[in-house]
Amino acid sequence: MKITEITGGVVPTNCYLLTDDATGDTAVIDPGFESPELTKAVMEAGAGKVKAILLTHGHFDHILGVNAVKELTNAVVYLYSDDVPFTSDNSLNLSTAITSQPVQAFKADVVLNDGDTIKLGSLKIRVLHTPGHTIGSCCFVVEDAIFTGDTLMQCSCGRTDFPTGSYTQMLQSLKRLENLKGDYHIYPGHESETTLEFERKNNPFMGNSAYDPAD
């Protein structure tokens, strides 16, 4: 498989193109912005080969580019069930609270639940529900990679003080990731790539070092 990272937007956000080597079928993960670079990458992958738009959660900086990519490719939009209201509620997706660019409402074509499998050519992408940043945050696991959105980031994790967020759920979700067998490349929604083993050893929100801010 091939993974291409494109970063953009006001935050900025990492958008990924995941491509199956065998078929060329491609998924765009978290298109949170519109940019010439993203459009170019989508067209180079082949508009007809972009089959899926996968969303780790419903915040504006992960969904603002959905309509543009959908228009280019007619790809199927996948979103976890609990975050479906974010696609049409700008107070939930934070677009009007943080930016002057509201999200144009769109529909999730496929509503995901924990344990679902998404087929992309010969690849099988597993859905892990990891609430905490939002109630419907999820991670996508494929081969030795995990796209973690704003759940797990290098030596950090996503904020939990936005609507539907929960610090308790975040720690539980990070524990779930920590307990996965083996090591994985971690592709987060922001900042640099990392590995699960590095995070097990160094992330203060994981393992025995996980702390409660109330302490």
C-alpha atoms as a PDB file:
ATOM      1  CA  MET A   1       0.000   0.000   0.000  1.00  0.00           C
ATOM      2  CA  LYS A   2       1.035   3.612  -0.547  1.00  0.00           C
ATOM      3  CA  ILE A   3       0.347   6.501   1.831  1.00  0.00           C
ATOM      4  CA  THR A   4       0.601  10.122   0.712  1.00  0.00           C
ATOM      5  CA  GLU A   5       0.355  12.926   3.262  1.00  0.00           C
ATOM      6  CA  ILE A   6      -0.916  16.405   2.395  1.00  0.00           C
ATOM      7  CA  THR A   7      -1.113  19.065   5.083  1.00  0.00           C
ATOM      8  CA  GLY A   8      -3.272  22.173   4.879  1.00  0.00           C
ATOM      9  CA  GLY A   9      -5.976  24.304   6.416  1.00  0.00           C
ATOM     10  CA  VAL A  10      -5.936  26.791   9.261  1.00  0.00           C
ATOM     11  CA  VAL A  11      -4.894  24.373  12.023  1.00  0.00           C
ATOM     12  CA  PRO A  12      -3.140  22.698   9.940  1.00  0.00           C
ATOM     13  CA  THR A  13      -4.467  19.175   9.372  1.00  0.00           C
ATOM     14  CA  ASN A  14      -2.913  16.054   7.862  1.00  0.00           C
ATOM     15  CA  CYS A  15      -4.937  14.551   5.020  1.00  0.00           C
ATOM     16  CA  TYR A  16      -3.847  11.166   3.711  1.00  0.00           C
ATOM     17  CA  LEU A  17      -4.323   9.338   0.435  1.00  0.00           C
ATOM     18  CA  LEU A  18      -4.244   5.584   0.996  1.00  0.00           C
ATOM     19  CA  THR A  19      -3.713   3.601  -2.201  1.00  0.00           C
ATOM     20  CA  ASP A  20      -3.930  -0.145  -2.761  1.00  0.00           C
ATOM     21  CA  ASP A  21      -0.908  -1.273  -4.779  1.00  0.00           C
ATOM     22  CA  ALA A  22      -2.780  -4.101  -6.461  1.00  0.00           C
ATOM     23  CA  THR A  23      -5.668  -2.080  -7.915  1.00  0.00           C
ATOM     24  CA  GLY A  24      -4.814   1.594  -7.529  1.00  0.00           C
ATOM     25  CA  ASP A  25      -8.017   2.097  -5.556  1.00  0.00           C
ATOM     26  CA  THR A  26      -7.572   5.062  -3.222  1.00  0.00           C
ATOM     27  CA  ALA A  27      -9.183   6.472  -0.084  1.00  0.00           C
ATOM     28  CA  VAL A  28      -8.884  10.105   1.003  1.00  0.00           C
ATOM     29  CA  ILE A  29      -8.692  10.261   4.785  1.00  0.00           C
ATOM     30  CA  ASP A  30      -9.781  13.479   6.542  1.00  0.00           C
ATOM     31  CA  PRO A  31      -9.923  16.067   3.749  1.00  0.00           C
ATOM     32  CA  GLY A  32     -10.226  18.988   6.153  1.00  0.00           C
ATOM     33  CA  PHE A  33      -9.413  21.695   3.637  1.00  0.00           C
ATOM     34  CA  GLU A  34      -9.374  22.575  -0.030  1.00  0.00           C
ATOM     35  CA  SER A  35      -6.030  23.247  -1.703  1.00  0.00           C
ATOM     36  CA  PRO A  36      -4.411  22.979  -5.135  1.00  0.00           C
ATOM     37  CA  GLU A  37      -2.027  20.378  -3.697  1.00  0.00           C
ATOM     38  CA  LEU A  38      -4.870  18.159  -2.516  1.00  0.00           C
ATOM     39  CA  THR A  39      -6.748  18.527  -5.799  1.00  0.00           C
ATOM     40  CA  LYS A  40      -3.588  17.640  -7.721  1.00  0.00           C
ATOM     41  CA  ALA A  41      -2.985  14.550  -5.578  1.00  0.00           C
ATOM     42  CA  VAL A  42      -6.564  13.380  -6.065  1.00  0.00           C
ATOM     43  CA  MET A  43      -6.362  13.832  -9.819  1.00  0.00           C
ATOM     44  CA  GLU A  44      -2.985  12.091  -9.991  1.00  0.00           C
ATOM     45  CA  ALA A  45      -4.474   9.138  -8.113  1.00  0.00           C
ATOM     46  CA  GLY A  46      -7.218   9.151 -10.718  1.00  0.00           C
ATOM     47  CA  ALA A  47     -10.653  10.557 -10.002  1.00  0.00           C
ATOM     48  CA  GLY A  48     -12.212   7.229 -10.924  1.00  0.00           C
ATOM     49  CA  LYS A  49      -9.838   5.395  -8.600  1.00  0.00           C
ATOM     50  CA  VAL A  50     -10.715   7.434  -5.514  1.00  0.00           C
ATOM     51  CA  LYS A  51     -13.392   5.191  -4.064  1.00  0.00           C
ATOM     52  CA  ALA A  52     -13.737   6.380  -0.476  1.00  0.00           C
ATOM     53  CA  ILE A  53     -13.576   9.401   1.792  1.00  0.00           C
ATOM     54  CA  LEU A  54     -12.847   8.207   5.326  1.00  0.00           C
ATOM     55  CA  LEU A  55     -13.461  10.559   8.249  1.00  0.00           C
ATOM     56  CA  THR A  56     -11.950   9.949  11.675  1.00  0.00           C
ATOM     57  CA  HIS A  57     -14.404  12.426  13.213  1.00  0.00           C
ATOM     58  CA  GLY A  58     -16.649  15.348  12.399  1.00  0.00           C
ATOM     59  CA  HIS A  59     -14.703  18.490  13.292  1.00  0.00           C
ATOM     60  CA  PHE A  60     -14.444  21.144  10.585  1.00  0.00           C
ATOM     61  CA  ASP A  61     -10.689  20.753  10.171  1.00  0.00           C
ATOM     62  CA  HIS A  62     -11.235  17.151   9.082  1.00  0.00           C
ATOM     63  CA  ILE A  63     -14.325  17.562   6.889  1.00  0.00           C
ATOM     64  CA  LEU A  64     -14.172  20.991   5.177  1.00  0.00           C
ATOM     65  CA  GLY A  65     -12.874  19.480   1.937  1.00  0.00           C
ATOM     66  CA  VAL A  66     -15.358  16.605   1.734  1.00  0.00           C
ATOM     67  CA  ASN A  67     -17.692  18.256  -0.742  1.00  0.00           C
ATOM     68  CA  ALA A  68     -14.841  19.253  -3.054  1.00  0.00           C
ATOM     69  CA  VAL A  69     -13.354  15.742  -3.115  1.00  0.00           C
ATOM     70  CA  LYS A  70     -16.805  14.224  -3.526  1.00  0.00           C
ATOM     71  CA  GLU A  71     -17.480  16.491  -6.506  1.00  0.00           C
ATOM     72  CA  LEU A  72     -14.190  15.484  -8.133  1.00  0.00           C
ATOM     73  CA  THR A  73     -14.518  11.750  -7.560  1.00  0.00           C
ATOM     74  CA  ASN A  74     -18.037  10.758  -6.475  1.00  0.00           C
ATOM     75  CA  ALA A  75     -16.328   8.765  -3.733  1.00  0.00           C
ATOM     76  CA  VAL A  76     -18.338   7.184  -0.915  1.00  0.00           C
ATOM     77  CA  VAL A  77     -18.216   9.108   2.382  1.00  0.00           C
ATOM     78  CA  TYR A  78     -17.693   7.026   5.546  1.00  0.00           C
ATOM     79  CA  LEU A  79     -18.284   8.450   9.048  1.00  0.00           C
ATOM     80  CA  TYR A  80     -18.828   6.880  12.452  1.00  0.00           C
ATOM     81  CA  SER A  81     -22.486   6.766  13.492  1.00  0.00           C
ATOM     82  CA  ASP A  82     -22.201   8.964  16.591  1.00  0.00           C
ATOM     83  CA  ASP A  83     -20.620  11.819  14.633  1.00  0.00           C
ATOM     84  CA  VAL A  84     -23.228  11.965  11.850  1.00  0.00           C
ATOM     85  CA  PRO A  85     -24.855  15.111  13.365  1.00  0.00           C
ATOM     86  CA  PHE A  86     -21.544  16.972  12.889  1.00  0.00           C
ATOM     87  CA  THR A  87     -22.041  17.027   9.102  1.00  0.00           C
ATOM     88  CA  SER A  88     -24.899  19.528   9.368  1.00  0.00           C
ATOM     89  CA  ASP A  89     -24.443  21.200  12.778  1.00  0.00           C
ATOM     90  CA  ASN A  90     -21.761  23.876  12.682  1.00  0.00           C
ATOM     91  CA  SER A  91     -21.871  24.317  16.435  1.00  0.00           C
ATOM     92  CA  LEU A  92     -20.773  20.697  16.787  1.00  0.00           C
ATOM     93  CA  ASN A  93     -18.187  20.733  14.011  1.00  0.00           C
ATOM     94  CA  LEU A  94     -16.843  24.065  15.359  1.00  0.00           C
ATOM     95  CA  SER A  95     -16.582  25.701  11.941  1.00  0.00           C
ATOM     96  CA  THR A  96     -18.452  28.850  12.925  1.00  0.00           C
ATOM     97  CA  ALA A  97     -16.876  29.013  16.377  1.00  0.00           C
ATOM     98  CA  ILE A  98     -13.278  28.904  15.151  1.00  0.00           C
ATOM     99  CA  THR A  99     -13.388  30.043  11.526  1.00  0.00           C
ATOM    100  CA  SER A 100     -15.456  32.259   9.275  1.00  0.00           C
ATOM    101  CA  GLN A 101     -16.010  29.382   6.857  1.00  0.00           C
ATOM    102  CA  PRO A 102     -19.019  27.233   7.808  1.00  0.00           C
ATOM    103  CA  VAL A 103     -19.092  23.640   6.640  1.00  0.00           C
ATOM    104  CA  GLN A 104     -21.496  23.054   3.785  1.00  0.00           C
ATOM    105  CA  ALA A 105     -23.720  20.206   4.988  1.00  0.00           C
ATOM    106  CA  PHE A 106     -23.154  16.820   3.415  1.00  0.00           C
ATOM    107  CA  LYS A 107     -24.370  13.265   3.889  1.00  0.00           C
ATOM    108  CA  ALA A 108     -22.426  10.281   5.153  1.00  0.00           C
ATOM    109  CA  ASP A 109     -23.069   7.591   2.557  1.00  0.00           C
ATOM    110  CA  VAL A 110     -21.970   4.805   4.896  1.00  0.00           C
ATOM    111  CA  VAL A 111     -22.436   5.021   8.663  1.00  0.00           C
ATOM    112  CA  LEU A 112     -19.751   3.106  10.544  1.00  0.00           C
ATOM    113  CA  ASN A 113     -19.765   1.153  13.757  1.00  0.00           C
ATOM    114  CA  ASP A 114     -17.038  -0.464  15.831  1.00  0.00           C
ATOM    115  CA  GLY A 115     -15.458  -3.485  14.188  1.00  0.00           C
ATOM    116  CA  ASP A 116     -16.685  -2.707  10.678  1.00  0.00           C
ATOM    117  CA  THR A 117     -14.408  -3.542   7.765  1.00  0.00           C
ATOM    118  CA  ILE A 118     -14.027  -1.305   4.723  1.00  0.00           C
ATOM    119  CA  LYS A 119     -12.655  -2.900   1.555  1.00  0.00           C
ATOM    120  CA  LEU A 120     -10.357  -0.827  -0.635  1.00  0.00           C
ATOM    121  CA  GLY A 121      -9.150  -2.972  -3.494  1.00  0.00           C
ATOM    122  CA  SER A 122      -7.232  -5.777  -1.806  1.00  0.00           C
ATOM    123  CA  LEU A 123      -6.917  -3.831   1.455  1.00  0.00           C
ATOM    124  CA  LYS A 124      -9.143  -4.374   4.461  1.00  0.00           C
ATOM    125  CA  ILE A 125      -9.548  -1.370   6.742  1.00  0.00           C
ATOM    126  CA  ARG A 126     -10.781  -2.051  10.272  1.00  0.00           C
ATOM    127  CA  VAL A 127     -12.792   0.526  12.210  1.00  0.00           C
ATOM    128  CA  LEU A 128     -11.959   1.108  15.888  1.00  0.00           C
ATOM    129  CA  HIS A 129     -14.309   3.334  17.870  1.00  0.00           C
ATOM    130  CA  THR A 130     -12.122   5.638  19.976  1.00  0.00           C
ATOM    131  CA  PRO A 131     -14.342   8.288  21.595  1.00  0.00           C
ATOM    132  CA  GLY A 132     -12.915  11.092  23.672  1.00  0.00           C
ATOM    133  CA  HIS A 133     -12.125  13.920  21.280  1.00  0.00           C
ATOM    134  CA  THR A 134     -15.664  13.528  19.941  1.00  0.00           C
ATOM    135  CA  ILE A 135     -18.228  10.888  20.809  1.00  0.00           C
ATOM    136  CA  GLY A 136     -17.857   9.295  17.380  1.00  0.00           C
ATOM    137  CA  SER A 137     -14.109   9.528  16.878  1.00  0.00           C
ATOM    138  CA  CYS A 138     -12.623   6.434  15.298  1.00  0.00           C
ATOM    139  CA  CYS A 139      -9.330   5.074  14.008  1.00  0.00           C
ATOM    140  CA  PHE A 140      -8.709   3.197  10.773  1.00  0.00           C
ATOM    141  CA  VAL A 141      -6.395   0.191  10.989  1.00  0.00           C
ATOM    142  CA  VAL A 142      -4.928  -1.231   7.789  1.00  0.00           C
ATOM    143  CA  GLU A 143      -1.980  -3.620   7.672  1.00  0.00           C
ATOM    144  CA  ASP A 144       0.759  -2.005   9.824  1.00  0.00           C
ATOM    145  CA  ALA A 145      -0.763   1.478   9.862  1.00  0.00           C
ATOM    146  CA  ILE A 146      -3.317   3.285  12.012  1.00  0.00           C
ATOM    147  CA  PHE A 147      -4.899   6.569  11.016  1.00  0.00           C
ATOM    148  CA  THR A 148      -5.690   8.010  14.432  1.00  0.00           C
ATOM    149  CA  GLY A 149      -7.250  11.398  13.668  1.00  0.00           C
ATOM    150  CA  ASP A 150      -7.253  13.470  16.862  1.00  0.00           C
ATOM    151  CA  THR A 151      -7.232  10.510  19.229  1.00  0.00           C
ATOM    152  CA  LEU A 152      -3.510   9.727  19.345  1.00  0.00           C
ATOM    153  CA  MET A 153      -0.781  12.161  18.330  1.00  0.00           C
ATOM    154  CA  GLN A 154       2.933  12.218  18.972  1.00  0.00           C
ATOM    155  CA  CYS A 155       3.337  12.339  22.764  1.00  0.00           C
ATOM    156  CA  SER A 156      -0.139  13.816  23.020  1.00  0.00           C
ATOM    157  CA  CYS A 157      -3.830  13.308  22.362  1.00  0.00           C
ATOM    158  CA  GLY A 158      -6.767  15.390  21.183  1.00  0.00           C
ATOM    159  CA  ARG A 159      -8.569  17.937  23.299  1.00  0.00           C
ATOM    160  CA  THR A 160     -11.585  16.723  25.224  1.00  0.00           C
ATOM    161  CA  ASP A 161     -13.250  20.035  26.133  1.00  0.00           C
ATOM    162  CA  PHE A 162     -15.267  20.430  22.917  1.00  0.00           C
ATOM    163  CA  PRO A 163     -18.912  19.296  22.629  1.00  0.00           C
ATOM    164  CA  THR A 164     -19.298  15.505  23.136  1.00  0.00           C
ATOM    165  CA  GLY A 165     -15.679  15.204  24.279  1.00  0.00           C
ATOM    166  CA  SER A 166     -14.727  13.161  27.340  1.00  0.00           C
ATOM    167  CA  TYR A 167     -11.367  12.881  29.077  1.00  0.00           C
ATOM    168  CA  THR A 168     -12.369   9.565  30.636  1.00  0.00           C
ATOM    169  CA  GLN A 169     -13.324   8.144  27.251  1.00  0.00           C
ATOM    170  CA  MET A 170     -10.086   9.472  25.748  1.00  0.00           C
ATOM    171  CA  LEU A 171      -7.984   7.577  28.282  1.00  0.00           C
ATOM    172  CA  GLN A 172     -10.025   4.442  27.638  1.00  0.00           C
ATOM    173  CA  SER A 173      -9.536   4.830  23.885  1.00  0.00           C
ATOM    174  CA  LEU A 174      -5.803   5.344  24.261  1.00  0.00           C
ATOM    175  CA  LYS A 175      -5.659   2.221  26.434  1.00  0.00           C
ATOM    176  CA  ARG A 176      -7.425   0.322  23.682  1.00  0.00           C
ATOM    177  CA  LEU A 177      -4.792   1.422  21.185  1.00  0.00           C
ATOM    178  CA  GLU A 178      -1.993   0.699  23.644  1.00  0.00           C
ATOM    179  CA  ASN A 179      -3.270  -2.864  24.093  1.00  0.00           C
ATOM    180  CA  LEU A 180      -3.179  -3.702  20.379  1.00  0.00           C
ATOM    181  CA  LYS A 181      -0.667  -6.446  19.704  1.00  0.00           C
ATOM    182  CA  GLY A 182       2.526  -5.502  17.940  1.00  0.00           C
ATOM    183  CA  ASP A 183       3.698  -2.190  16.576  1.00  0.00           C
ATOM    184  CA  TYR A 184       2.065   0.137  14.054  1.00  0.00           C
ATOM    185  CA  HIS A 185       2.936   3.262  12.135  1.00  0.00           C
ATOM    186  CA  ILE A 186       0.722   6.053  13.475  1.00  0.00           C
ATOM    187  CA  TYR A 187      -0.633   8.636  11.046  1.00  0.00           C
ATOM    188  CA  PRO A 188      -2.263  11.360  13.190  1.00  0.00           C
ATOM    189  CA  GLY A 189      -4.548  14.217  12.265  1.00  0.00           C
ATOM    190  CA  HIS A 190      -1.949  16.793  13.264  1.00  0.00           C
ATOM    191  CA  GLU A 191       1.806  17.020  13.699  1.00  0.00           C
ATOM    192  CA  SER A 192       4.298  14.284  12.863  1.00  0.00           C
ATOM    193  CA  GLU A 193       3.996  10.570  12.229  1.00  0.00           C
ATOM    194  CA  THR A 194       5.009   8.275  15.052  1.00  0.00           C
ATOM    195  CA  THR A 195       4.779   4.618  16.077  1.00  0.00           C
ATOM    196  CA  LEU A 196       2.596   2.878  18.602  1.00  0.00           C
ATOM    197  CA  GLU A 197       5.607   1.466  20.432  1.00  0.00           C
ATOM    198  CA  PHE A 198       7.131   4.942  20.775  1.00  0.00           C
ATOM    199  CA  GLU A 199       3.847   6.237  22.181  1.00  0.00           C
ATOM    200  CA  ARG A 200       3.574   3.340  24.624  1.00  0.00           C
ATOM    201  CA  LYS A 201       6.933   4.381  26.050  1.00  0.00           C
ATOM    202  CA  ASN A 202       6.727   8.171  25.802  1.00  0.00           C
ATOM    203  CA  ASN A 203       3.154   9.418  25.646  1.00  0.00           C
ATOM    204  CA  PRO A 204       2.105  10.802  29.066  1.00  0.00           C
ATOM    205  CA  PHE A 205      -1.534   9.886  28.336  1.00  0.00           C
ATOM    206  CA  MET A 206      -0.691   6.223  27.819  1.00  0.00           C
ATOM    207  CA  GLY A 207       0.426   3.445  30.123  1.00  0.00           C
ATOM    208  CA  ASN A 208       1.287   3.839  33.772  1.00  0.00           C
ATOM    209  CA  SER A 209       2.227   7.476  33.234  1.00  0.00           C
ATOM    210  CA  ALA A 210      -1.298   8.489  32.186  1.00  0.00           C
ATOM    211  CA  TYR A 211      -2.394  11.225  34.537  1.00  0.00           C
ATOM    212  CA  ASP A 212      -5.612  12.867  35.577  1.00  0.00           C
ATOM    213  CA  PRO A 213      -5.508  16.684  35.389  1.00  0.00           C
ATOM    214  CA  ALA A 214      -7.600  16.762  38.584  1.00  0.00           C
ATOM    215  CA  ASP A 215      -4.666  15.275  40.538  1.00  0.00           C
END
